[in-house]
Amino acid sequence: MDGSLKRKLLSGLALAAAAALLLLVASPYSRQGEGSIVGSKAGDFSFEFAGKPARLSALRGKVVVLNFWATWCPPCVEEMPALSRLHQQIVSSGGMVLGISVDDDTAKYEKFLQDHQISFPNYRDPTKTISASYGTFMFPETYVIDKQGKVARKVIGPQVWDSPEMVAYLKRLAAQ
C-alpha cells in the first residue's frame, strides 16, 4: 500500500471515528428497553414540606414538576434559576416545582439553597431512596405529574423550564 492510500485510509477512519463520537455525544440520552411511564401513577413518597411531614399523594389537585437534582451536578445547577422562575409563574395556576436533592452533605445543600435563593420547595434525600424508587440515577431528571397524580411527562437532562412553551403547557395541564 502506498503512502497516499494509507493517508487517505487513516483520514477516513479518523473522520468516521469523529463522526461516531459526535453522534454519540449529540444524541439525546435514552434508556434502551425502558417502557414509557407516561400515564402511570406517580410513585408516592414521604418528605418534609414547610417543616412538616408530607406525602406526594397529598399534592393531588396540583401539577407537580418533580425535579431530582444535586449541588455537584453542573446541569442541575444550571437549570435551578429557571425552575425557581417556573415555580413563581405556575403556583397561582395550581402548579408547583418540588425538588428532591440527592446531596449527602446537609450544610452544602442548605448553603446552596440559600446562596441561589431557590424559591421552590426542596427535600434532601441523601439515601437516594426516592430517586431509586423512580429509577432515577442520572441527574437532573424531572417528572411532570398531573392533578390526578399520573406522570404526564418524563424529562432526562436539563431544560429551559421557564420557556413560554413550557409555562403554557403546565398551565394547560393545571386547567384540565
Protein backbone atom coordinates (compact mmCIF):
# COMPACT_ATOMS: atom_id res chain seq x y z
CA MET A 1 0.00 0.00 0.00
CA ASP A 2 1.47 3.36 -0.99
CA GLY A 3 1.73 6.32 1.40
CA SER A 4 -1.04 8.33 -0.26
CA LEU A 5 -3.56 5.49 0.06
CA LYS A 6 -2.55 4.90 3.69
CA ARG A 7 -3.06 8.58 4.50
CA LYS A 8 -6.48 8.57 2.83
CA LEU A 9 -7.48 5.42 4.70
CA LEU A 10 -6.29 6.79 8.06
CA SER A 11 -8.01 10.13 7.36
CA GLY A 12 -11.24 8.32 6.52
CA LEU A 13 -11.04 6.23 9.69
CA ALA A 14 -10.34 9.31 11.80
CA LEU A 15 -13.27 11.13 10.20
CA ALA A 16 -15.58 8.15 10.80
CA ALA A 17 -14.46 7.91 14.44
CA ALA A 18 -15.04 11.65 14.94
CA ALA A 19 -18.50 11.39 13.37
CA ALA A 20 -19.39 8.41 15.58
CA LEU A 21 -18.22 10.27 18.68
CA LEU A 22 -20.18 13.38 17.68
CA LEU A 23 -23.30 11.29 17.11
CA LEU A 24 -22.88 9.64 20.50
CA VAL A 25 -22.40 12.95 22.33
CA ALA A 26 -25.06 14.90 20.41
CA SER A 27 -27.84 12.33 20.54
CA PRO A 28 -30.29 12.61 23.43
CA TYR A 29 -29.83 10.12 26.23
CA SER A 30 -32.37 7.34 26.20
CA ARG A 31 -32.66 4.19 28.19
CA GLN A 32 -32.87 1.31 25.78
CA GLY A 33 -35.74 -1.01 26.52
CA GLU A 34 -37.31 1.21 29.18
CA GLY A 35 -41.06 1.32 28.78
CA SER A 36 -42.90 4.61 28.87
CA ILE A 37 -44.18 5.59 32.27
CA VAL A 38 -46.37 8.37 30.90
CA GLY A 39 -49.90 7.79 32.16
CA SER A 40 -48.83 5.63 35.08
CA LYS A 41 -49.45 6.62 38.69
CA ALA A 42 -46.54 8.57 40.16
CA GLY A 43 -44.84 6.71 42.99
CA ASP A 44 -45.85 8.09 46.37
CA PHE A 45 -43.24 9.01 48.96
CA SER A 46 -42.87 10.90 52.22
CA PHE A 47 -40.91 14.12 52.50
CA GLU A 48 -40.78 17.25 54.59
CA PHE A 49 -42.80 20.21 53.27
CA ALA A 50 -42.62 23.60 55.01
CA GLY A 51 -41.15 21.91 58.06
CA LYS A 52 -43.91 19.31 58.33
CA PRO A 53 -44.20 15.67 57.20
CA ALA A 54 -45.93 15.35 53.81
CA ARG A 55 -46.60 12.87 51.03
CA LEU A 56 -46.57 13.38 47.28
CA SER A 57 -50.12 11.98 47.15
CA ALA A 58 -51.26 14.90 49.35
CA LEU A 59 -50.39 17.23 46.46
CA ARG A 60 -53.10 15.72 44.21
CA GLY A 61 -55.05 18.52 42.60
CA LYS A 62 -51.80 20.30 41.74
CA VAL A 63 -49.49 19.86 38.77
CA VAL A 64 -46.13 18.92 40.28
CA VAL A 65 -42.81 19.34 38.47
CA LEU A 66 -40.76 16.78 40.42
CA ASN A 67 -37.07 17.51 39.84
CA PHE A 68 -34.27 15.19 41.02
CA TRP A 69 -31.01 17.11 41.34
CA ALA A 70 -27.73 17.61 43.23
CA THR A 71 -25.42 20.52 44.02
CA TRP A 72 -22.48 18.63 42.46
CA CYS A 73 -24.33 18.27 39.12
CA PRO A 74 -23.47 21.21 36.77
CA PRO A 75 -26.58 20.81 34.55
CA CYS A 76 -28.74 20.70 37.70
CA VAL A 77 -27.20 23.91 38.99
CA GLU A 78 -27.65 25.50 35.56
CA GLU A 79 -31.41 24.85 35.46
CA MET A 80 -32.17 25.92 39.07
CA PRO A 81 -32.88 29.61 38.28
CA ALA A 82 -35.34 28.58 35.55
CA LEU A 83 -37.07 26.16 37.93
CA SER A 84 -37.41 28.94 40.52
CA ARG A 85 -38.92 31.27 37.90
CA LEU A 86 -41.21 28.48 36.69
CA HIS A 87 -42.47 27.85 40.22
CA GLN A 88 -43.34 31.54 40.60
CA GLN A 89 -45.19 31.51 37.25
CA ILE A 90 -47.32 28.38 37.85
CA VAL A 91 -48.07 28.47 41.57
CA SER A 92 -51.16 30.70 41.08
CA SER A 93 -52.46 28.28 38.41
CA GLY A 94 -52.32 25.25 40.69
CA GLY A 95 -48.80 24.11 39.85
CA MET A 96 -45.57 23.80 41.77
CA VAL A 97 -41.98 22.65 41.50
CA LEU A 98 -40.73 20.14 44.07
CA GLY A 99 -37.00 19.49 44.16
CA ILE A 100 -35.52 16.28 45.54
CA SER A 101 -31.80 16.64 46.16
CA VAL A 102 -29.58 13.57 46.47
CA ASP A 103 -26.83 15.52 48.23
CA ASP A 104 -25.04 13.79 51.12
CA ASP A 105 -23.77 16.98 52.75
CA THR A 106 -26.54 18.84 54.61
CA ALA A 107 -24.53 22.04 55.06
CA LYS A 108 -23.56 22.23 51.39
CA TYR A 109 -27.17 21.59 50.33
CA GLU A 110 -28.59 24.26 52.66
CA LYS A 111 -25.90 26.77 51.67
CA PHE A 112 -26.70 26.15 48.01
CA LEU A 113 -30.44 26.78 48.54
CA GLN A 114 -29.69 29.99 50.42
CA ASP A 115 -26.92 31.28 48.10
CA HIS A 116 -29.02 30.64 44.98
CA GLN A 117 -32.27 31.87 46.54
CA ILE A 118 -34.18 28.76 45.49
CA SER A 119 -37.84 29.67 45.85
CA PHE A 120 -39.50 26.31 45.35
CA PRO A 121 -39.88 23.54 47.96
CA ASN A 122 -36.97 21.15 48.25
CA TYR A 123 -36.26 18.00 50.18
CA ARG A 124 -32.90 16.32 50.69
CA ASP A 125 -32.86 12.56 50.13
CA PRO A 126 -29.23 11.56 50.87
CA THR A 127 -30.03 7.83 50.84
CA LYS A 128 -31.42 8.25 47.31
CA THR A 129 -34.46 6.18 48.30
CA ILE A 130 -36.92 8.41 46.47
CA SER A 131 -34.84 8.74 43.30
CA ALA A 132 -34.24 4.97 43.28
CA SER A 133 -37.99 4.34 43.56
CA TYR A 134 -38.40 6.36 40.35
CA GLY A 135 -35.50 4.58 38.64
CA THR A 136 -33.52 7.82 38.56
CA PHE A 137 -29.77 7.53 38.59
CA MET A 138 -28.72 10.33 36.25
CA PHE A 139 -29.32 13.94 37.18
CA PRO A 140 -31.19 16.11 36.52
CA GLU A 141 -34.28 14.06 35.83
CA THR A 142 -37.77 15.53 36.07
CA TYR A 143 -41.29 14.15 36.15
CA VAL A 144 -44.33 16.28 35.36
CA ILE A 145 -47.18 14.88 37.44
CA ASP A 146 -50.75 15.85 36.59
CA LYS A 147 -53.52 16.77 39.04
CA GLN A 148 -54.65 13.14 39.24
CA GLY A 149 -51.18 12.00 40.32
CA LYS A 150 -50.20 10.46 36.98
CA VAL A 151 -46.94 11.02 35.13
CA ALA A 152 -47.66 13.34 32.20
CA ARG A 153 -44.05 13.70 31.05
CA LYS A 154 -40.57 12.49 31.95
CA VAL A 155 -37.59 14.66 31.07
CA ILE A 156 -34.00 13.45 31.25
CA GLY A 157 -31.43 16.22 31.36
CA PRO A 158 -31.59 19.97 31.81
CA GLN A 159 -34.34 22.11 30.29
CA VAL A 160 -35.30 25.74 29.93
CA TRP A 161 -38.16 25.31 32.38
CA ASP A 162 -39.44 28.86 32.20
CA SER A 163 -39.74 28.99 28.42
CA PRO A 164 -43.10 30.35 27.23
CA GLU A 165 -43.93 26.94 25.74
CA MET A 166 -43.24 25.05 28.97
CA VAL A 167 -45.14 27.54 31.12
CA ALA A 168 -48.13 27.40 28.73
CA TYR A 169 -48.03 23.57 28.73
CA LEU A 170 -48.02 23.39 32.54
CA LYS A 171 -50.81 25.98 32.86
CA ARG A 172 -52.92 23.99 30.33
CA LEU A 173 -52.26 20.84 32.32
CA ALA A 174 -53.32 22.60 35.53
CA ALA A 175 -56.53 23.82 33.87
CA GLN A 176 -57.61 20.29 32.85
